[in-house]
N, C-alpha and C. Protein backbone atom coordinates (compact mmCIF):
# COMPACT_ATOMS: atom_id res chain seq x y z
N MET A 1 5.17 -0.04 16.35
CA MET A 1 4.55 0.58 17.52
C MET A 1 4.65 2.11 17.42
N LEU A 2 3.63 2.77 17.81
CA LEU A 2 3.59 4.23 17.81
C LEU A 2 3.49 4.68 19.26
N ARG A 3 4.49 5.46 19.70
CA ARG A 3 4.49 5.95 21.08
C ARG A 3 4.12 7.43 21.07
N PHE A 4 3.11 7.76 21.88
CA PHE A 4 2.62 9.12 21.93
C PHE A 4 2.23 9.49 23.36
N ALA A 5 2.80 10.58 23.86
CA ALA A 5 2.45 11.13 25.18
C ALA A 5 2.52 10.07 26.28
N GLY A 6 3.54 9.20 26.19
CA GLY A 6 3.75 8.20 27.23
C GLY A 6 2.93 6.94 27.06
N HIS A 7 2.20 6.80 25.96
CA HIS A 7 1.36 5.63 25.72
C HIS A 7 1.80 4.93 24.44
N ASN A 8 1.64 3.61 24.42
CA ASN A 8 1.98 2.81 23.25
C ASN A 8 0.72 2.41 22.49
N PHE A 9 0.77 2.59 21.18
CA PHE A 9 -0.35 2.23 20.31
C PHE A 9 0.17 1.40 19.14
N GLU A 10 -0.72 0.62 18.55
CA GLU A 10 -0.40 -0.11 17.33
C GLU A 10 -1.13 0.53 16.16
N PRO A 11 -0.41 1.18 15.24
CA PRO A 11 -1.07 1.75 14.06
C PRO A 11 -1.39 0.63 13.06
N LEU A 12 -2.61 0.59 12.59
CA LEU A 12 -3.05 -0.47 11.70
C LEU A 12 -3.09 0.03 10.26
N PRO A 13 -2.85 -0.84 9.29
CA PRO A 13 -2.86 -0.41 7.88
C PRO A 13 -4.23 0.06 7.40
N SER A 14 -5.27 -0.21 8.17
CA SER A 14 -6.61 0.27 7.85
C SER A 14 -6.79 1.74 8.19
N GLY A 15 -5.92 2.28 9.04
CA GLY A 15 -6.07 3.63 9.57
C GLY A 15 -6.58 3.64 11.00
N GLY A 16 -6.89 2.47 11.54
CA GLY A 16 -7.26 2.38 12.95
C GLY A 16 -6.03 2.41 13.84
N LEU A 17 -6.24 2.70 15.11
CA LEU A 17 -5.15 2.76 16.08
C LEU A 17 -5.56 1.93 17.29
N TYR A 18 -4.79 0.87 17.56
CA TYR A 18 -5.17 -0.02 18.66
C TYR A 18 -4.37 0.33 19.92
N TRP A 19 -5.10 0.59 21.00
CA TRP A 19 -4.54 0.93 22.30
C TRP A 19 -4.56 -0.33 23.15
N HIS A 20 -3.43 -1.04 23.18
CA HIS A 20 -3.36 -2.33 23.84
C HIS A 20 -3.72 -2.24 25.32
N ALA A 21 -3.20 -1.25 26.01
CA ALA A 21 -3.40 -1.15 27.45
C ALA A 21 -4.87 -1.04 27.82
N ARG A 22 -5.68 -0.50 26.92
CA ARG A 22 -7.11 -0.33 27.18
C ARG A 22 -7.98 -1.24 26.31
N GLN A 23 -7.35 -2.11 25.53
CA GLN A 23 -8.08 -3.00 24.63
C GLN A 23 -9.11 -2.21 23.82
N THR A 24 -8.65 -1.08 23.29
CA THR A 24 -9.54 -0.13 22.63
C THR A 24 -9.07 0.16 21.22
N LEU A 25 -9.99 0.11 20.28
CA LEU A 25 -9.71 0.48 18.90
C LEU A 25 -10.20 1.90 18.66
N LEU A 26 -9.29 2.77 18.22
CA LEU A 26 -9.62 4.15 17.90
C LEU A 26 -9.70 4.30 16.38
N VAL A 27 -10.76 4.95 15.92
CA VAL A 27 -10.91 5.23 14.50
C VAL A 27 -11.42 6.66 14.35
N ALA A 28 -11.22 7.24 13.17
CA ALA A 28 -11.68 8.61 12.94
C ALA A 28 -12.27 8.73 11.54
N ASP A 29 -13.29 9.53 11.41
CA ASP A 29 -13.82 9.91 10.10
C ASP A 29 -14.25 8.70 9.26
N LEU A 30 -15.19 7.94 9.79
CA LEU A 30 -15.74 6.82 9.02
C LEU A 30 -16.65 7.32 7.90
N HIS A 31 -17.35 8.40 8.12
CA HIS A 31 -18.23 9.00 7.11
C HIS A 31 -19.20 7.99 6.50
N PHE A 32 -19.84 7.20 7.38
CA PHE A 32 -20.87 6.28 6.90
C PHE A 32 -21.92 7.04 6.08
N GLU A 33 -22.39 6.40 5.02
CA GLU A 33 -23.46 6.91 4.16
C GLU A 33 -23.07 8.19 3.41
N LYS A 34 -21.80 8.35 3.14
CA LYS A 34 -21.36 9.51 2.36
C LYS A 34 -21.94 9.45 0.94
N MET A 35 -21.82 8.29 0.30
CA MET A 35 -22.33 8.17 -1.06
C MET A 35 -23.85 8.29 -1.10
N ALA A 36 -24.52 7.78 -0.09
CA ALA A 36 -25.98 7.92 -0.03
C ALA A 36 -26.37 9.39 0.10
N SER A 37 -25.57 10.15 0.85
CA SER A 37 -25.84 11.59 0.98
C SER A 37 -25.69 12.29 -0.36
N PHE A 38 -24.67 11.91 -1.14
CA PHE A 38 -24.48 12.49 -2.46
C PHE A 38 -25.65 12.12 -3.39
N ALA A 39 -26.09 10.86 -3.26
CA ALA A 39 -27.19 10.40 -4.11
C ALA A 39 -28.45 11.21 -3.87
N ARG A 40 -28.67 11.61 -2.65
CA ARG A 40 -29.86 12.41 -2.33
C ARG A 40 -29.81 13.78 -3.01
N ARG A 41 -28.61 14.21 -3.39
CA ARG A 41 -28.46 15.50 -4.07
C ARG A 41 -28.32 15.32 -5.59
N GLY A 42 -28.60 14.11 -6.05
CA GLY A 42 -28.61 13.85 -7.48
C GLY A 42 -27.32 13.34 -8.06
N GLN A 43 -26.28 13.12 -7.24
CA GLN A 43 -25.01 12.60 -7.73
C GLN A 43 -25.03 11.08 -7.57
N MET A 44 -25.28 10.38 -8.63
CA MET A 44 -25.47 8.93 -8.57
C MET A 44 -24.12 8.21 -8.53
N LEU A 45 -23.65 7.98 -7.33
CA LEU A 45 -22.38 7.29 -7.11
C LEU A 45 -22.65 5.94 -6.48
N PRO A 46 -21.77 4.95 -6.69
CA PRO A 46 -21.99 3.62 -6.13
C PRO A 46 -22.11 3.67 -4.60
N PRO A 47 -23.21 3.16 -4.03
CA PRO A 47 -23.46 3.29 -2.59
C PRO A 47 -22.84 2.15 -1.77
N TYR A 48 -21.57 1.85 -2.01
CA TYR A 48 -20.96 0.71 -1.35
C TYR A 48 -20.00 1.11 -0.23
N ASP A 49 -19.85 2.40 0.03
CA ASP A 49 -18.82 2.84 0.97
C ASP A 49 -19.09 2.37 2.39
N THR A 50 -20.33 2.41 2.83
CA THR A 50 -20.63 2.01 4.22
C THR A 50 -20.30 0.54 4.43
N GLY A 51 -20.70 -0.31 3.49
CA GLY A 51 -20.41 -1.73 3.61
C GLY A 51 -18.92 -2.02 3.64
N MET A 52 -18.16 -1.30 2.80
CA MET A 52 -16.71 -1.51 2.78
C MET A 52 -16.06 -1.04 4.08
N THR A 53 -16.52 0.07 4.62
CA THR A 53 -15.97 0.56 5.88
C THR A 53 -16.32 -0.37 7.03
N LEU A 54 -17.54 -0.88 7.03
CA LEU A 54 -17.95 -1.84 8.07
C LEU A 54 -17.11 -3.11 7.98
N MET A 55 -16.82 -3.57 6.79
CA MET A 55 -15.98 -4.76 6.62
C MET A 55 -14.59 -4.53 7.23
N ARG A 56 -14.05 -3.35 6.99
CA ARG A 56 -12.75 -2.98 7.54
C ARG A 56 -12.81 -2.95 9.07
N LEU A 57 -13.88 -2.38 9.59
CA LEU A 57 -14.03 -2.26 11.04
C LEU A 57 -14.21 -3.63 11.69
N GLU A 58 -15.02 -4.47 11.10
CA GLU A 58 -15.22 -5.83 11.62
C GLU A 58 -13.91 -6.60 11.66
N ALA A 59 -13.12 -6.48 10.59
CA ALA A 59 -11.84 -7.18 10.52
C ALA A 59 -10.88 -6.70 11.60
N ASP A 60 -10.82 -5.38 11.84
CA ASP A 60 -9.93 -4.85 12.86
C ASP A 60 -10.36 -5.28 14.27
N LEU A 61 -11.64 -5.31 14.51
CA LEU A 61 -12.13 -5.75 15.83
C LEU A 61 -11.80 -7.21 16.06
N ARG A 62 -11.95 -8.04 15.03
CA ARG A 62 -11.58 -9.46 15.17
C ARG A 62 -10.09 -9.61 15.39
N ARG A 63 -9.32 -8.91 14.58
CA ARG A 63 -7.86 -9.07 14.62
C ARG A 63 -7.27 -8.62 15.95
N THR A 64 -7.74 -7.51 16.47
CA THR A 64 -7.16 -6.98 17.70
C THR A 64 -7.78 -7.58 18.95
N GLY A 65 -9.01 -8.08 18.83
CA GLY A 65 -9.72 -8.55 20.02
C GLY A 65 -10.16 -7.40 20.91
N ALA A 66 -10.29 -6.22 20.33
CA ALA A 66 -10.67 -5.03 21.10
C ALA A 66 -12.01 -5.25 21.81
N ARG A 67 -12.08 -4.72 23.01
CA ARG A 67 -13.33 -4.78 23.77
C ARG A 67 -14.06 -3.45 23.75
N LYS A 68 -13.37 -2.41 23.27
CA LYS A 68 -13.98 -1.08 23.18
C LYS A 68 -13.65 -0.46 21.82
N LEU A 69 -14.58 0.35 21.35
CA LEU A 69 -14.40 1.08 20.10
C LEU A 69 -14.71 2.55 20.37
N ILE A 70 -13.79 3.43 19.97
CA ILE A 70 -14.02 4.87 20.09
C ILE A 70 -13.86 5.49 18.71
N SER A 71 -14.91 6.14 18.24
CA SER A 71 -14.88 6.84 16.97
C SER A 71 -14.72 8.33 17.24
N LEU A 72 -13.69 8.93 16.65
CA LEU A 72 -13.32 10.31 16.94
C LEU A 72 -14.07 11.33 16.07
N GLY A 73 -15.36 11.12 15.90
CA GLY A 73 -16.17 12.08 15.18
C GLY A 73 -16.29 11.83 13.69
N ASP A 74 -17.32 12.41 13.08
CA ASP A 74 -17.67 12.18 11.68
C ASP A 74 -17.84 10.69 11.40
N THR A 75 -18.50 10.02 12.34
CA THR A 75 -18.88 8.62 12.11
C THR A 75 -19.82 8.56 10.91
N PHE A 76 -20.76 9.51 10.86
CA PHE A 76 -21.68 9.63 9.73
C PHE A 76 -21.35 10.89 8.93
N HIS A 77 -21.67 10.84 7.65
CA HIS A 77 -21.35 11.98 6.78
C HIS A 77 -22.27 13.16 7.01
N ARG A 78 -23.48 12.90 7.50
CA ARG A 78 -24.44 13.95 7.81
C ARG A 78 -25.12 13.62 9.12
N ALA A 79 -25.69 14.63 9.73
CA ALA A 79 -26.35 14.42 11.02
C ALA A 79 -27.50 13.43 10.91
N ASP A 80 -28.15 13.35 9.74
CA ASP A 80 -29.28 12.45 9.57
C ASP A 80 -28.91 11.16 8.84
N SER A 81 -27.63 10.91 8.66
CA SER A 81 -27.21 9.77 7.84
C SER A 81 -27.53 8.42 8.47
N SER A 82 -27.66 8.36 9.80
CA SER A 82 -27.99 7.08 10.41
C SER A 82 -29.34 6.57 9.93
N ALA A 83 -30.22 7.49 9.54
CA ALA A 83 -31.54 7.10 9.03
C ALA A 83 -31.45 6.55 7.61
N LEU A 84 -30.33 6.76 6.93
CA LEU A 84 -30.17 6.29 5.56
C LEU A 84 -29.59 4.88 5.49
N LEU A 85 -29.16 4.33 6.62
CA LEU A 85 -28.56 3.00 6.61
C LEU A 85 -29.53 1.96 6.07
N GLY A 86 -29.04 1.12 5.17
CA GLY A 86 -29.83 -0.01 4.71
C GLY A 86 -29.97 -1.05 5.81
N ALA A 87 -30.90 -1.96 5.64
CA ALA A 87 -31.17 -2.96 6.68
C ALA A 87 -29.94 -3.80 6.99
N ALA A 88 -29.19 -4.21 5.95
CA ALA A 88 -28.02 -5.06 6.17
C ALA A 88 -26.93 -4.31 6.92
N GLU A 89 -26.68 -3.06 6.52
CA GLU A 89 -25.64 -2.28 7.18
C GLU A 89 -26.04 -1.96 8.61
N ARG A 90 -27.31 -1.66 8.84
CA ARG A 90 -27.77 -1.38 10.20
C ARG A 90 -27.60 -2.60 11.09
N LEU A 91 -27.90 -3.77 10.58
CA LEU A 91 -27.72 -5.00 11.35
C LEU A 91 -26.26 -5.22 11.70
N ARG A 92 -25.37 -4.97 10.74
CA ARG A 92 -23.94 -5.16 11.01
C ARG A 92 -23.44 -4.17 12.05
N LEU A 93 -23.91 -2.93 11.97
CA LEU A 93 -23.51 -1.93 12.95
C LEU A 93 -24.09 -2.26 14.32
N ASP A 94 -25.33 -2.71 14.37
CA ASP A 94 -25.94 -3.11 15.64
C ASP A 94 -25.17 -4.27 16.27
N THR A 95 -24.67 -5.17 15.44
CA THR A 95 -23.90 -6.31 15.95
C THR A 95 -22.60 -5.84 16.60
N ILE A 96 -21.97 -4.84 16.00
CA ILE A 96 -20.75 -4.27 16.59
C ILE A 96 -21.06 -3.61 17.92
N VAL A 97 -22.15 -2.83 17.97
CA VAL A 97 -22.52 -2.12 19.20
C VAL A 97 -22.83 -3.11 20.33
N GLU A 98 -23.40 -4.25 19.99
CA GLU A 98 -23.71 -5.26 20.99
C GLU A 98 -22.48 -6.03 21.45
N ALA A 99 -21.47 -6.13 20.57
CA ALA A 99 -20.29 -6.94 20.88
C ALA A 99 -19.23 -6.20 21.67
N VAL A 100 -19.08 -4.89 21.43
CA VAL A 100 -18.05 -4.11 22.10
C VAL A 100 -18.65 -2.82 22.64
N GLU A 101 -17.97 -2.25 23.62
CA GLU A 101 -18.41 -0.98 24.19
C GLU A 101 -18.05 0.14 23.22
N CYS A 102 -19.05 0.86 22.73
CA CYS A 102 -18.84 1.87 21.69
C CYS A 102 -19.04 3.28 22.23
N THR A 103 -18.13 4.17 21.85
CA THR A 103 -18.24 5.59 22.15
C THR A 103 -18.10 6.36 20.85
N TRP A 104 -19.07 7.26 20.60
CA TRP A 104 -19.10 8.04 19.37
C TRP A 104 -18.92 9.52 19.73
N LEU A 105 -17.81 10.11 19.32
CA LEU A 105 -17.59 11.53 19.57
C LEU A 105 -18.24 12.37 18.47
N SER A 106 -18.66 13.56 18.84
CA SER A 106 -19.29 14.46 17.88
C SER A 106 -18.26 14.97 16.88
N GLY A 107 -18.67 15.09 15.63
CA GLY A 107 -17.82 15.67 14.60
C GLY A 107 -18.50 16.86 13.96
N ASN A 108 -17.81 17.50 13.03
CA ASN A 108 -18.44 18.63 12.36
C ASN A 108 -19.52 18.19 11.38
N HIS A 109 -19.45 16.93 10.89
CA HIS A 109 -20.48 16.42 10.00
C HIS A 109 -21.66 15.82 10.77
N ASP A 110 -21.42 15.36 11.98
CA ASP A 110 -22.49 14.70 12.75
C ASP A 110 -22.46 15.19 14.21
N PRO A 111 -22.83 16.45 14.42
CA PRO A 111 -22.76 17.01 15.78
C PRO A 111 -23.81 16.47 16.73
N ALA A 112 -24.89 15.91 16.21
CA ALA A 112 -25.97 15.43 17.08
C ALA A 112 -25.74 13.96 17.46
N PRO A 113 -26.28 13.52 18.61
CA PRO A 113 -26.17 12.11 18.98
C PRO A 113 -26.83 11.19 17.95
N HIS A 114 -26.28 9.98 17.79
CA HIS A 114 -26.83 9.01 16.85
C HIS A 114 -27.76 8.06 17.59
N ALA A 115 -28.73 7.57 16.87
CA ALA A 115 -29.65 6.58 17.47
C ALA A 115 -29.18 5.17 17.13
N ILE A 116 -27.92 4.87 17.45
CA ILE A 116 -27.37 3.56 17.08
C ILE A 116 -26.80 2.82 18.28
N GLY A 117 -27.06 3.30 19.47
CA GLY A 117 -26.53 2.63 20.65
C GLY A 117 -25.13 3.09 20.98
N GLY A 118 -24.70 2.83 22.20
CA GLY A 118 -23.40 3.29 22.65
C GLY A 118 -23.49 4.69 23.24
N LEU A 119 -22.35 5.20 23.66
CA LEU A 119 -22.28 6.52 24.29
C LEU A 119 -21.91 7.58 23.26
N CYS A 120 -22.65 8.70 23.26
CA CYS A 120 -22.32 9.85 22.41
C CYS A 120 -21.85 11.00 23.29
N CYS A 121 -20.72 11.63 22.95
CA CYS A 121 -20.23 12.77 23.72
C CYS A 121 -19.33 13.62 22.84
N ASP A 122 -18.99 14.81 23.32
CA ASP A 122 -18.16 15.73 22.55
C ASP A 122 -16.68 15.38 22.62
N GLU A 123 -16.20 15.10 23.81
CA GLU A 123 -14.80 14.74 24.05
C GLU A 123 -14.74 13.66 25.13
N LEU A 124 -13.56 13.06 25.24
CA LEU A 124 -13.37 12.01 26.23
C LEU A 124 -11.97 12.14 26.81
N GLU A 125 -11.87 12.07 28.13
CA GLU A 125 -10.57 12.11 28.81
C GLU A 125 -10.23 10.70 29.29
N LEU A 126 -9.07 10.18 28.89
CA LEU A 126 -8.65 8.85 29.29
C LEU A 126 -7.15 8.84 29.55
N ASP A 127 -6.76 8.47 30.77
CA ASP A 127 -5.35 8.27 31.12
C ASP A 127 -4.47 9.46 30.70
N GLY A 128 -4.96 10.65 30.93
CA GLY A 128 -4.18 11.84 30.61
C GLY A 128 -4.27 12.29 29.18
N LEU A 129 -5.01 11.58 28.34
CA LEU A 129 -5.20 11.96 26.95
C LEU A 129 -6.59 12.55 26.76
N THR A 130 -6.71 13.47 25.83
CA THR A 130 -8.01 14.01 25.43
C THR A 130 -8.31 13.51 24.03
N LEU A 131 -9.43 12.81 23.89
CA LEU A 131 -9.88 12.33 22.58
C LEU A 131 -10.95 13.28 22.07
N SER A 132 -10.75 13.79 20.88
CA SER A 132 -11.64 14.80 20.33
C SER A 132 -11.67 14.67 18.82
N HIS A 133 -12.59 15.40 18.17
CA HIS A 133 -12.65 15.33 16.71
C HIS A 133 -11.62 16.24 16.05
N GLU A 134 -11.62 17.50 16.41
CA GLU A 134 -10.75 18.46 15.73
C GLU A 134 -9.47 18.70 16.53
N PRO A 135 -8.31 18.62 15.88
CA PRO A 135 -7.04 18.90 16.57
C PRO A 135 -6.90 20.38 16.85
N LYS A 136 -6.24 20.69 17.96
CA LYS A 136 -6.01 22.08 18.35
C LYS A 136 -4.55 22.24 18.76
N LYS A 137 -3.92 23.30 18.28
CA LYS A 137 -2.52 23.54 18.57
C LYS A 137 -2.30 23.80 20.05
N GLY A 138 -1.21 23.23 20.58
CA GLY A 138 -0.79 23.52 21.94
C GLY A 138 -1.54 22.77 23.01
N ARG A 139 -2.45 21.90 22.63
CA ARG A 139 -3.21 21.14 23.62
C ARG A 139 -2.53 19.79 23.80
N ALA A 140 -1.76 19.63 24.82
CA ALA A 140 -0.94 18.44 25.00
C ALA A 140 -1.80 17.20 25.23
N GLY A 141 -1.37 16.09 24.62
CA GLY A 141 -2.06 14.83 24.83
C GLY A 141 -3.37 14.71 24.08
N LEU A 142 -3.50 15.42 22.97
CA LEU A 142 -4.74 15.43 22.20
C LEU A 142 -4.67 14.41 21.06
N VAL A 143 -5.67 13.55 20.98
CA VAL A 143 -5.80 12.57 19.90
C VAL A 143 -7.05 12.93 19.11
N ALA A 144 -6.90 13.15 17.81
CA ALA A 144 -8.01 13.68 17.02
C ALA A 144 -7.97 13.13 15.59
N GLY A 145 -8.96 13.55 14.81
CA GLY A 145 -9.04 13.19 13.40
C GLY A 145 -9.25 14.44 12.57
N HIS A 146 -10.35 14.46 11.80
CA HIS A 146 -10.86 15.64 11.10
C HIS A 146 -10.08 16.04 9.85
N LEU A 147 -8.76 16.05 9.89
CA LEU A 147 -7.97 16.60 8.79
C LEU A 147 -7.60 15.59 7.70
N HIS A 148 -7.85 14.30 7.93
CA HIS A 148 -7.58 13.27 6.93
C HIS A 148 -6.13 13.34 6.43
N PRO A 149 -5.15 13.22 7.30
CA PRO A 149 -3.75 13.42 6.89
C PRO A 149 -3.23 12.37 5.91
N ALA A 150 -2.38 12.82 4.99
CA ALA A 150 -1.68 11.94 4.06
C ALA A 150 -0.26 12.46 3.88
N ALA A 151 0.63 11.57 3.54
CA ALA A 151 2.03 11.95 3.30
C ALA A 151 2.45 11.51 1.90
N ARG A 152 3.26 12.32 1.29
CA ARG A 152 3.90 11.98 0.01
C ARG A 152 5.39 12.00 0.24
N ILE A 153 6.08 10.92 -0.12
CA ILE A 153 7.51 10.84 0.11
C ILE A 153 8.24 10.63 -1.21
N ALA A 154 9.47 11.10 -1.23
CA ALA A 154 10.34 10.92 -2.39
C ALA A 154 11.53 10.06 -1.98
N MET A 155 11.82 9.05 -2.79
CA MET A 155 12.93 8.15 -2.47
C MET A 155 13.44 7.52 -3.76
N GLU A 156 14.75 7.67 -4.00
CA GLU A 156 15.41 7.07 -5.15
C GLU A 156 14.72 7.47 -6.46
N GLY A 157 14.34 8.74 -6.56
CA GLY A 157 13.76 9.24 -7.79
C GLY A 157 12.30 8.93 -8.00
N ARG A 158 11.67 8.30 -7.04
CA ARG A 158 10.25 7.95 -7.15
C ARG A 158 9.49 8.56 -5.97
N THR A 159 8.18 8.70 -6.13
CA THR A 159 7.36 9.21 -5.04
C THR A 159 6.23 8.23 -4.74
N ALA A 160 5.75 8.30 -3.51
CA ALA A 160 4.62 7.48 -3.09
C ALA A 160 3.77 8.31 -2.15
N ARG A 161 2.46 8.13 -2.22
CA ARG A 161 1.53 8.89 -1.39
C ARG A 161 0.56 7.95 -0.70
N SER A 162 0.29 8.20 0.57
CA SER A 162 -0.65 7.38 1.32
C SER A 162 -1.16 8.15 2.52
N ALA A 163 -2.31 7.76 3.00
CA ALA A 163 -2.81 8.30 4.26
C ALA A 163 -1.81 7.96 5.36
N CYS A 164 -1.84 8.74 6.44
CA CYS A 164 -0.83 8.54 7.48
C CYS A 164 -1.33 8.99 8.85
N PHE A 165 -0.64 8.51 9.87
CA PHE A 165 -0.72 9.07 11.21
C PHE A 165 0.39 10.11 11.33
N VAL A 166 0.10 11.20 12.03
CA VAL A 166 1.14 12.21 12.25
C VAL A 166 0.98 12.77 13.66
N HIS A 167 2.11 12.97 14.34
CA HIS A 167 2.06 13.57 15.68
C HIS A 167 3.37 14.27 15.99
N ASP A 168 3.31 15.16 16.97
CA ASP A 168 4.51 15.85 17.47
C ASP A 168 4.68 15.61 18.96
N ASN A 169 4.10 14.53 19.45
CA ASN A 169 4.10 14.11 20.86
C ASN A 169 3.24 15.01 21.74
N ARG A 170 2.53 15.95 21.13
CA ARG A 170 1.52 16.74 21.84
C ARG A 170 0.15 16.55 21.20
N VAL A 171 0.13 16.55 19.86
CA VAL A 171 -1.11 16.35 19.10
C VAL A 171 -0.90 15.16 18.16
N LEU A 172 -1.81 14.21 18.19
CA LEU A 172 -1.78 13.04 17.31
C LEU A 172 -3.03 13.08 16.43
N ILE A 173 -2.84 12.99 15.11
CA ILE A 173 -3.95 13.06 14.17
C ILE A 173 -4.03 11.74 13.41
N LEU A 174 -5.20 11.11 13.47
CA LEU A 174 -5.43 9.84 12.79
C LEU A 174 -5.87 10.07 11.36
N PRO A 175 -5.53 9.14 10.46
CA PRO A 175 -6.05 9.22 9.09
C PRO A 175 -7.54 8.90 9.06
N ALA A 176 -8.20 9.29 7.99
CA ALA A 176 -9.61 8.96 7.82
C ALA A 176 -9.75 7.46 7.60
N TYR A 177 -10.72 6.87 8.29
CA TYR A 177 -10.94 5.42 8.23
C TYR A 177 -11.93 5.02 7.14
N GLY A 178 -12.81 5.93 6.76
CA GLY A 178 -13.85 5.62 5.80
C GLY A 178 -13.31 5.29 4.42
N SER A 179 -14.02 4.43 3.70
CA SER A 179 -13.54 3.95 2.41
C SER A 179 -13.69 4.98 1.29
N SER A 180 -14.48 6.01 1.50
CA SER A 180 -14.70 7.02 0.46
C SER A 180 -14.29 8.41 0.91
N THR A 181 -13.26 8.50 1.70
CA THR A 181 -12.79 9.79 2.20
C THR A 181 -11.53 10.22 1.46
N GLY A 182 -11.35 11.51 1.31
CA GLY A 182 -10.13 12.03 0.70
C GLY A 182 -9.04 12.19 1.75
N ALA A 183 -7.94 12.80 1.35
CA ALA A 183 -6.81 12.99 2.26
C ALA A 183 -6.08 14.27 1.91
N LEU A 184 -5.48 14.89 2.93
CA LEU A 184 -4.80 16.18 2.78
C LEU A 184 -3.33 16.03 3.14
N ASN A 185 -2.47 16.49 2.24
CA ASN A 185 -1.02 16.39 2.46
C ASN A 185 -0.64 17.13 3.75
N ILE A 186 0.16 16.49 4.58
CA ILE A 186 0.53 17.08 5.87
C ILE A 186 1.51 18.25 5.72
N LEU A 187 1.96 18.52 4.51
CA LEU A 187 2.77 19.72 4.27
C LEU A 187 1.91 20.92 3.90
N SER A 188 0.60 20.76 3.93
CA SER A 188 -0.29 21.88 3.65
C SER A 188 -0.28 22.85 4.84
N PRO A 189 -0.66 24.10 4.63
CA PRO A 189 -0.57 25.11 5.69
C PRO A 189 -1.31 24.77 6.98
N VAL A 190 -2.44 24.08 6.89
CA VAL A 190 -3.21 23.79 8.10
C VAL A 190 -2.41 22.93 9.08
N PHE A 191 -1.59 22.01 8.57
CA PHE A 191 -0.76 21.20 9.45
C PHE A 191 0.46 22.00 9.94
N MET A 192 0.99 22.84 9.09
CA MET A 192 2.16 23.63 9.47
C MET A 192 1.86 24.53 10.67
N GLY A 193 0.65 25.02 10.75
CA GLY A 193 0.29 25.87 11.87
C GLY A 193 -0.15 25.12 13.10
N LEU A 194 -0.22 23.80 12.99
CA LEU A 194 -0.75 22.99 14.08
C LEU A 194 0.32 22.21 14.82
N LEU A 195 1.31 21.72 14.10
CA LEU A 195 2.30 20.81 14.67
C LEU A 195 3.66 21.48 14.82
N ASN A 196 4.43 21.01 15.80
CA ASN A 196 5.82 21.43 15.97
C ASN A 196 6.68 20.52 15.10
N TRP A 197 7.13 21.06 13.96
CA TRP A 197 7.78 20.19 12.98
C TRP A 197 9.14 19.68 13.40
N ALA A 198 9.73 20.25 14.39
CA ALA A 198 11.00 19.72 14.90
C ALA A 198 10.79 18.38 15.59
N SER A 199 9.55 18.08 15.98
CA SER A 199 9.26 16.85 16.72
C SER A 199 8.32 15.91 15.98
N VAL A 200 8.01 16.20 14.74
CA VAL A 200 6.99 15.44 14.02
C VAL A 200 7.46 14.01 13.72
N GLU A 201 6.54 13.06 13.88
CA GLU A 201 6.75 11.68 13.47
C GLU A 201 5.59 11.27 12.57
N VAL A 202 5.92 10.55 11.50
CA VAL A 202 4.94 10.19 10.48
C VAL A 202 4.94 8.67 10.29
N THR A 203 3.74 8.09 10.26
CA THR A 203 3.60 6.66 9.99
C THR A 203 2.60 6.50 8.85
N MET A 204 3.09 6.02 7.70
CA MET A 204 2.25 5.88 6.52
C MET A 204 1.56 4.51 6.49
N LEU A 205 0.40 4.48 5.86
CA LEU A 205 -0.34 3.23 5.70
C LEU A 205 0.12 2.50 4.45
N GLY A 206 0.42 1.21 4.60
CA GLY A 206 0.72 0.36 3.46
C GLY A 206 -0.40 -0.65 3.27
N ARG A 207 -0.24 -1.52 2.31
CA ARG A 207 -1.30 -2.50 2.03
C ARG A 207 -1.49 -3.46 3.19
N ASP A 208 -0.38 -3.94 3.75
CA ASP A 208 -0.48 -4.95 4.81
C ASP A 208 0.20 -4.53 6.12
N ARG A 209 0.82 -3.37 6.13
CA ARG A 209 1.51 -2.92 7.33
C ARG A 209 1.64 -1.40 7.27
N THR A 210 2.16 -0.83 8.34
CA THR A 210 2.43 0.61 8.37
C THR A 210 3.93 0.85 8.37
N TYR A 211 4.32 2.07 7.94
CA TYR A 211 5.73 2.37 7.75
C TYR A 211 6.09 3.72 8.37
N PRO A 212 6.96 3.75 9.37
CA PRO A 212 7.46 5.05 9.84
C PRO A 212 8.37 5.64 8.77
N VAL A 213 8.20 6.94 8.51
CA VAL A 213 9.02 7.58 7.48
C VAL A 213 9.63 8.86 8.04
N SER A 214 10.79 9.21 7.53
CA SER A 214 11.48 10.43 7.97
C SER A 214 10.77 11.64 7.38
N PRO A 215 10.51 12.65 8.19
CA PRO A 215 9.94 13.90 7.65
C PRO A 215 10.81 14.54 6.58
N LYS A 216 12.09 14.20 6.55
CA LYS A 216 12.99 14.74 5.54
C LYS A 216 12.62 14.25 4.13
N ARG A 217 11.90 13.15 4.04
CA ARG A 217 11.52 12.61 2.74
C ARG A 217 10.19 13.15 2.22
N LEU A 218 9.52 13.95 3.03
CA LEU A 218 8.20 14.45 2.65
C LEU A 218 8.29 15.47 1.52
N VAL A 219 7.35 15.37 0.59
CA VAL A 219 7.25 16.34 -0.51
C VAL A 219 5.79 16.74 -0.65
N ARG A 220 5.59 17.85 -1.32
CA ARG A 220 4.23 18.35 -1.51
C ARG A 220 3.55 17.60 -2.66
N GLY A 221 2.24 17.72 -2.71
CA GLY A 221 1.49 17.10 -3.79
C GLY A 221 0.62 15.98 -3.33
């Protein structure tokens, strides 16, 4: 269980965050059609990322029984990426929109509303929390994405690296949910200037579960 700003959440190994009290699944940075966007610029990469991310999302919705889905921005890799969806992927996404109440927050990659159903907005206020795309220092109760956090830990002479959730009980940053997204070590300067490290808590993603880790074990790289 992950406790943040007086609320309890379940961090999922997929990178999703389930809010039991609201029956809501929170995800960030899906970056649908990222590979298709690269292909349009001549970089011929396998265009399977959207299907893999949708599979992950469908599984989390089934597993949690969530009745609402909130995407914290960068749902699509580009503002026009919804038009690049193949027929099968569009049908799967439409099925999700019809099954659960969906809210899509604006991100830096997709600032315009999507034509995929559900509510599009810049930010959302719920139960004293602010849901937004980009984290901001000093804004209490902020849940965001954007930075694609990852942690590297050292233990017994070995190291391990994985995407992670990180928070200081004022700002909570979700890992990127998309299957073709990178990750940034939380010891990088951008996180150092954002979080109060005396209060930081880190939860790393594992294959089948998540793991709280001590910040004392964090290493760069």
